[in-house]
Amino acid sequence: MAASKIAITIDDKMLKQIDILVKANYFPNRSRAIQDAVAEKLARLEKSRLAQECAKLDPEFEQSLAEEGFSVEMEEWPEY
């Protein structure tokens, strides 16, 4: 995967916390720590977006779509 080098400004306190994690070998370097943090935030935003879109759905309409044709199919199913 291609990578791009960027410059960021970060709070001193946050940088010290990152450095502690790097020193403890939680991350191999600052760059990886920041990459992981950004990736996690983007994943959370995507899940949040999915939840927002799901909230727009009408449960009754979705249920009717799920059951559409179900009664016809049940007649075709064998008895057990």
C-alpha atoms as a PDB file:
ATOM      1  CA  MET A   1       0.000   0.000   0.000  1.00  0.00           C
ATOM      2  CA  ALA A   2       1.320   3.417  -0.901  1.00  0.00           C
ATOM      3  CA  ALA A   3       1.955   5.849   1.922  1.00  0.00           C
ATOM      4  CA  SER A   4       2.286   9.615   2.018  1.00  0.00           C
ATOM      5  CA  LYS A   5       4.393  11.632   4.381  1.00  0.00           C
ATOM      6  CA  ILE A   6       2.576  14.478   6.124  1.00  0.00           C
ATOM      7  CA  ALA A   7       3.348  16.989   8.846  1.00  0.00           C
ATOM      8  CA  ILE A   8       1.017  17.419  11.810  1.00  0.00           C
ATOM      9  CA  THR A   9       0.848  19.606  14.871  1.00  0.00           C
ATOM     10  CA  ILE A  10       0.146  17.755  18.091  1.00  0.00           C
ATOM     11  CA  ASP A  11      -0.296  18.813  21.697  1.00  0.00           C
ATOM     12  CA  ASP A  12       2.823  18.302  23.869  1.00  0.00           C
ATOM     13  CA  LYS A  13       0.907  16.241  26.441  1.00  0.00           C
ATOM     14  CA  MET A  14      -0.445  13.942  23.745  1.00  0.00           C
ATOM     15  CA  LEU A  15       3.006  13.569  22.212  1.00  0.00           C
ATOM     16  CA  LYS A  16       4.446  12.563  25.582  1.00  0.00           C
ATOM     17  CA  GLN A  17       1.729   9.914  25.924  1.00  0.00           C
ATOM     18  CA  ILE A  18       2.565   8.584  22.453  1.00  0.00           C
ATOM     19  CA  ASP A  19       6.263   8.517  23.310  1.00  0.00           C
ATOM     20  CA  ILE A  20       5.516   6.505  26.470  1.00  0.00           C
ATOM     21  CA  LEU A  21       3.600   3.948  24.376  1.00  0.00           C
ATOM     22  CA  VAL A  22       6.442   3.760  21.850  1.00  0.00           C
ATOM     23  CA  LYS A  23       9.016   3.342  24.638  1.00  0.00           C
ATOM     24  CA  ALA A  24       6.869   0.527  26.105  1.00  0.00           C
ATOM     25  CA  ASN A  25       6.916  -1.136  22.656  1.00  0.00           C
ATOM     26  CA  TYR A  26       3.154  -0.799  22.318  1.00  0.00           C
ATOM     27  CA  PHE A  27       3.883   0.868  18.956  1.00  0.00           C
ATOM     28  CA  PRO A  28       7.096   0.609  16.944  1.00  0.00           C
ATOM     29  CA  ASN A  29       7.198   4.370  16.384  1.00  0.00           C
ATOM     30  CA  ARG A  30       5.206   7.600  16.553  1.00  0.00           C
ATOM     31  CA  SER A  31       4.063   7.294  12.986  1.00  0.00           C
ATOM     32  CA  ARG A  32       2.477   3.887  13.566  1.00  0.00           C
ATOM     33  CA  ALA A  33       0.765   5.127  16.736  1.00  0.00           C
ATOM     34  CA  ILE A  34      -0.816   8.009  14.868  1.00  0.00           C
ATOM     35  CA  GLN A  35      -1.745   5.797  11.880  1.00  0.00           C
ATOM     36  CA  ASP A  36      -3.523   3.356  14.182  1.00  0.00           C
ATOM     37  CA  ALA A  37      -5.350   6.159  15.988  1.00  0.00           C
ATOM     38  CA  VAL A  38      -6.575   7.685  12.728  1.00  0.00           C
ATOM     39  CA  ALA A  39      -7.619   4.279  11.357  1.00  0.00           C
ATOM     40  CA  GLU A  40      -9.570   3.536  14.547  1.00  0.00           C
ATOM     41  CA  LYS A  41     -11.325   6.907  14.430  1.00  0.00           C
ATOM     42  CA  LEU A  42     -12.260   6.434  10.768  1.00  0.00           C
ATOM     43  CA  ALA A  43     -13.674   2.977  11.539  1.00  0.00           C
ATOM     44  CA  ARG A  44     -15.750   4.410  14.399  1.00  0.00           C
ATOM     45  CA  LEU A  45     -17.086   7.157  12.155  1.00  0.00           C
ATOM     46  CA  GLU A  46     -18.037   4.604   9.511  1.00  0.00           C
ATOM     47  CA  LYS A  47     -19.919   2.497  12.094  1.00  0.00           C
ATOM     48  CA  SER A  48     -21.638   5.632  13.341  1.00  0.00           C
ATOM     49  CA  ARG A  49     -22.639   6.499   9.780  1.00  0.00           C
ATOM     50  CA  LEU A  50     -24.062   3.008   9.283  1.00  0.00           C
ATOM     51  CA  ALA A  51     -26.086   3.348  12.497  1.00  0.00           C
ATOM     52  CA  GLN A  52     -27.419   6.722  11.353  1.00  0.00           C
ATOM     53  CA  GLU A  53     -28.489   5.277   8.014  1.00  0.00           C
ATOM     54  CA  CYS A  54     -30.141   2.274   9.703  1.00  0.00           C
ATOM     55  CA  ALA A  55     -32.079   4.629  11.963  1.00  0.00           C
ATOM     56  CA  LYS A  56     -33.664   6.149   8.853  1.00  0.00           C
ATOM     57  CA  LEU A  57     -35.228   2.827   7.884  1.00  0.00           C
ATOM     58  CA  ASP A  58     -38.911   2.169   8.568  1.00  0.00           C
ATOM     59  CA  PRO A  59     -39.059  -1.110  10.558  1.00  0.00           C
ATOM     60  CA  GLU A  60     -42.597  -1.936   9.418  1.00  0.00           C
ATOM     61  CA  PHE A  61     -41.713  -1.457   5.761  1.00  0.00           C
ATOM     62  CA  GLU A  62     -38.529  -3.508   6.142  1.00  0.00           C
ATOM     63  CA  GLN A  63     -40.511  -6.287   7.851  1.00  0.00           C
ATOM     64  CA  SER A  64     -43.071  -6.302   5.033  1.00  0.00           C
ATOM     65  CA  LEU A  65     -40.255  -6.614   2.496  1.00  0.00           C
ATOM     66  CA  ALA A  66     -38.737  -9.492   4.451  1.00  0.00           C
ATOM     67  CA  GLU A  67     -42.058 -11.315   4.600  1.00  0.00           C
ATOM     68  CA  GLU A  68     -43.046 -10.612   0.997  1.00  0.00           C
ATOM     69  CA  GLY A  69     -43.816 -13.903  -0.676  1.00  0.00           C
ATOM     70  CA  PHE A  70     -43.111 -15.809   2.517  1.00  0.00           C
ATOM     71  CA  SER A  71     -46.615 -17.269   2.778  1.00  0.00           C
ATOM     72  CA  VAL A  72     -46.330 -18.689  -0.745  1.00  0.00           C
ATOM     73  CA  GLU A  73     -42.959 -20.234   0.076  1.00  0.00           C
ATOM     74  CA  MET A  74     -44.263 -21.852   3.258  1.00  0.00           C
ATOM     75  CA  GLU A  75     -46.821 -23.818   1.249  1.00  0.00           C
ATOM     76  CA  GLU A  76     -43.972 -25.258  -0.816  1.00  0.00           C
ATOM     77  CA  TRP A  77     -41.932 -26.381   2.202  1.00  0.00           C
ATOM     78  CA  PRO A  78     -42.213 -30.055   3.120  1.00  0.00           C
ATOM     79  CA  GLU A  79     -43.677 -31.134   6.461  1.00  0.00           C
ATOM     80  CA  TYR A  80     -41.182 -32.514   8.940  1.00  0.00           C
END
